Amino acid sequence: MRILGLFLSFFAITKSQYFFEFNNDDIPSNQCIQFTVTSGTGCDWMCNYCASQLGTNNYYFTDGVCSYQEGQGCVGNPIAGKQYTCCSTTF
């Protein structure tokens, strides 16, 4: 997981020009992760990051900042510098 986190950090800095901080050493047993985004980071990136880190497309943001909208994909309005949490869920 740490290698994947380092790769994503490098990719975020060099390719997308966005930076994030991954605040977990490992994904906790409740399958939630926390991270912070900077200006210009959108929900599309955040949703992809959560799916990748949690290993599932069944997840949610605890504050509802991003959500999937049919025909639009992952949408919302994240705030730079704010800490976000996404958690996996089972249906």
C-alpha atoms as a PDB file:
ATOM      1  CA  MET A   1       0.000   0.000   0.000  1.00  0.00           C
ATOM      2  CA  ARG A   2       2.814   2.420   0.773  1.00  0.00           C
ATOM      3  CA  ILE A   3       4.350   1.858  -2.645  1.00  0.00           C
ATOM      4  CA  LEU A   4       1.002   2.591  -4.285  1.00  0.00           C
ATOM      5  CA  GLY A   5       0.673   5.723  -2.139  1.00  0.00           C
ATOM      6  CA  LEU A   6       4.140   6.897  -3.173  1.00  0.00           C
ATOM      7  CA  PHE A   7       3.362   6.242  -6.827  1.00  0.00           C
ATOM      8  CA  LEU A   8       0.114   8.200  -6.577  1.00  0.00           C
ATOM      9  CA  SER A   9       1.947  11.064  -4.836  1.00  0.00           C
ATOM     10  CA  PHE A  10       4.546  11.176  -7.591  1.00  0.00           C
ATOM     11  CA  PHE A  11       1.867  10.970 -10.283  1.00  0.00           C
ATOM     12  CA  ALA A  12      -0.219  13.691  -8.640  1.00  0.00           C
ATOM     13  CA  ILE A  13       2.742  16.054  -8.441  1.00  0.00           C
ATOM     14  CA  THR A  14       4.270  15.410 -11.863  1.00  0.00           C
ATOM     15  CA  LYS A  15       1.307  14.675 -14.119  1.00  0.00           C
ATOM     16  CA  SER A  16      -1.810  16.343 -12.810  1.00  0.00           C
ATOM     17  CA  GLN A  17      -0.111  19.247 -11.027  1.00  0.00           C
ATOM     18  CA  TYR A  18      -2.175  18.572  -7.919  1.00  0.00           C
ATOM     19  CA  PHE A  19      -0.835  17.598  -4.527  1.00  0.00           C
ATOM     20  CA  PHE A  20      -2.453  15.623  -1.750  1.00  0.00           C
ATOM     21  CA  GLU A  21      -1.401  14.358   1.647  1.00  0.00           C
ATOM     22  CA  PHE A  22      -2.155  10.768   2.525  1.00  0.00           C
ATOM     23  CA  ASN A  23      -2.640  10.711   6.297  1.00  0.00           C
ATOM     24  CA  ASN A  24      -2.882   6.964   6.931  1.00  0.00           C
ATOM     25  CA  ASP A  25       0.025   4.564   7.350  1.00  0.00           C
ATOM     26  CA  ASP A  26      -2.266   1.731   6.318  1.00  0.00           C
ATOM     27  CA  ILE A  27      -5.963   1.552   5.639  1.00  0.00           C
ATOM     28  CA  PRO A  28      -7.620   1.105   9.046  1.00  0.00           C
ATOM     29  CA  SER A  29      -9.746  -1.945   9.789  1.00  0.00           C
ATOM     30  CA  ASN A  30     -12.975   0.014   9.227  1.00  0.00           C
ATOM     31  CA  GLN A  31     -11.856   0.571   5.611  1.00  0.00           C
ATOM     32  CA  CYS A  32     -11.742   4.369   5.705  1.00  0.00           C
ATOM     33  CA  ILE A  33      -8.997   6.642   4.435  1.00  0.00           C
ATOM     34  CA  GLN A  34      -8.365  10.332   5.028  1.00  0.00           C
ATOM     35  CA  PHE A  35      -6.598  12.743   2.729  1.00  0.00           C
ATOM     36  CA  THR A  36      -6.294  16.455   1.997  1.00  0.00           C
ATOM     37  CA  VAL A  37      -6.468  18.087  -1.434  1.00  0.00           C
ATOM     38  CA  THR A  38      -5.179  21.363  -2.803  1.00  0.00           C
ATOM     39  CA  SER A  39      -6.695  23.886  -5.170  1.00  0.00           C
ATOM     40  CA  GLY A  40      -7.798  22.480  -8.505  1.00  0.00           C
ATOM     41  CA  THR A  41      -8.368  18.919  -7.305  1.00  0.00           C
ATOM     42  CA  GLY A  42     -11.821  17.776  -8.325  1.00  0.00           C
ATOM     43  CA  CYS A  43     -14.199  15.029  -7.337  1.00  0.00           C
ATOM     44  CA  ASP A  44     -13.247  12.895 -10.328  1.00  0.00           C
ATOM     45  CA  TRP A  45      -9.708  12.567  -8.949  1.00  0.00           C
ATOM     46  CA  MET A  46     -10.986  12.088  -5.388  1.00  0.00           C
ATOM     47  CA  CYS A  47     -13.363   9.291  -6.408  1.00  0.00           C
ATOM     48  CA  ASN A  48     -10.667   7.520  -8.405  1.00  0.00           C
ATOM     49  CA  TYR A  49      -8.275   7.812  -5.474  1.00  0.00           C
ATOM     50  CA  CYS A  50     -10.787   6.385  -2.991  1.00  0.00           C
ATOM     51  CA  ALA A  51     -11.663   3.491  -5.295  1.00  0.00           C
ATOM     52  CA  SER A  52      -7.988   2.712  -5.811  1.00  0.00           C
ATOM     53  CA  GLN A  53      -7.002   2.922  -2.137  1.00  0.00           C
ATOM     54  CA  LEU A  54     -10.042   1.052  -0.821  1.00  0.00           C
ATOM     55  CA  GLY A  55      -9.997  -1.542  -3.595  1.00  0.00           C
ATOM     56  CA  THR A  56     -13.687  -1.146  -4.399  1.00  0.00           C
ATOM     57  CA  ASN A  57     -16.150   1.086  -6.210  1.00  0.00           C
ATOM     58  CA  ASN A  58     -18.545   0.737  -3.258  1.00  0.00           C
ATOM     59  CA  TYR A  59     -17.521   3.661  -1.058  1.00  0.00           C
ATOM     60  CA  TYR A  60     -18.875   6.954   0.197  1.00  0.00           C
ATOM     61  CA  PHE A  61     -17.557  10.277   1.480  1.00  0.00           C
ATOM     62  CA  THR A  62     -18.500  10.803   5.115  1.00  0.00           C
ATOM     63  CA  ASP A  63     -19.415  14.452   4.470  1.00  0.00           C
ATOM     64  CA  GLY A  64     -20.995  13.841   1.048  1.00  0.00           C
ATOM     65  CA  VAL A  65     -18.549  16.152  -0.742  1.00  0.00           C
ATOM     66  CA  CYS A  66     -18.545  13.966  -3.866  1.00  0.00           C
ATOM     67  CA  SER A  67     -21.186  11.660  -5.260  1.00  0.00           C
ATOM     68  CA  TYR A  68     -21.903   9.748  -8.450  1.00  0.00           C
ATOM     69  CA  GLN A  69     -24.465  11.312 -10.771  1.00  0.00           C
ATOM     70  CA  GLU A  70     -25.800   9.293 -13.711  1.00  0.00           C
ATOM     71  CA  GLY A  71     -24.414  10.703 -16.958  1.00  0.00           C
ATOM     72  CA  GLN A  72     -22.028  13.079 -15.155  1.00  0.00           C
ATOM     73  CA  GLY A  73     -19.778  10.786 -13.145  1.00  0.00           C
ATOM     74  CA  CYS A  74     -18.332  11.827  -9.815  1.00  0.00           C
ATOM     75  CA  VAL A  75     -19.319  15.414  -9.008  1.00  0.00           C
ATOM     76  CA  GLY A  76     -19.116  17.847  -6.117  1.00  0.00           C
ATOM     77  CA  ASN A  77     -17.190  20.848  -4.819  1.00  0.00           C
ATOM     78  CA  PRO A  78     -14.162  19.923  -2.700  1.00  0.00           C
ATOM     79  CA  ILE A  79     -12.436  22.643  -0.699  1.00  0.00           C
ATOM     80  CA  ALA A  80      -8.656  22.979  -0.815  1.00  0.00           C
ATOM     81  CA  GLY A  81      -6.937  22.219   2.482  1.00  0.00           C
ATOM     82  CA  LYS A  82      -9.889  20.363   3.974  1.00  0.00           C
ATOM     83  CA  GLN A  83      -9.456  16.799   5.184  1.00  0.00           C
ATOM     84  CA  TYR A  84     -11.792  14.297   3.530  1.00  0.00           C
ATOM     85  CA  THR A  85     -12.694  10.755   4.535  1.00  0.00           C
ATOM     86  CA  CYS A  86     -14.020   8.025   2.295  1.00  0.00           C
ATOM     87  CA  CYS A  87     -15.110   4.614   3.535  1.00  0.00           C
ATOM     88  CA  SER A  88     -15.863   1.352   1.794  1.00  0.00           C
ATOM     89  CA  THR A  89     -19.275  -0.174   2.147  1.00  0.00           C
ATOM     90  CA  THR A  90     -21.037  -3.363   1.153  1.00  0.00           C
ATOM     91  CA  PHE A  91     -24.477  -3.502  -0.360  1.00  0.00           C
END
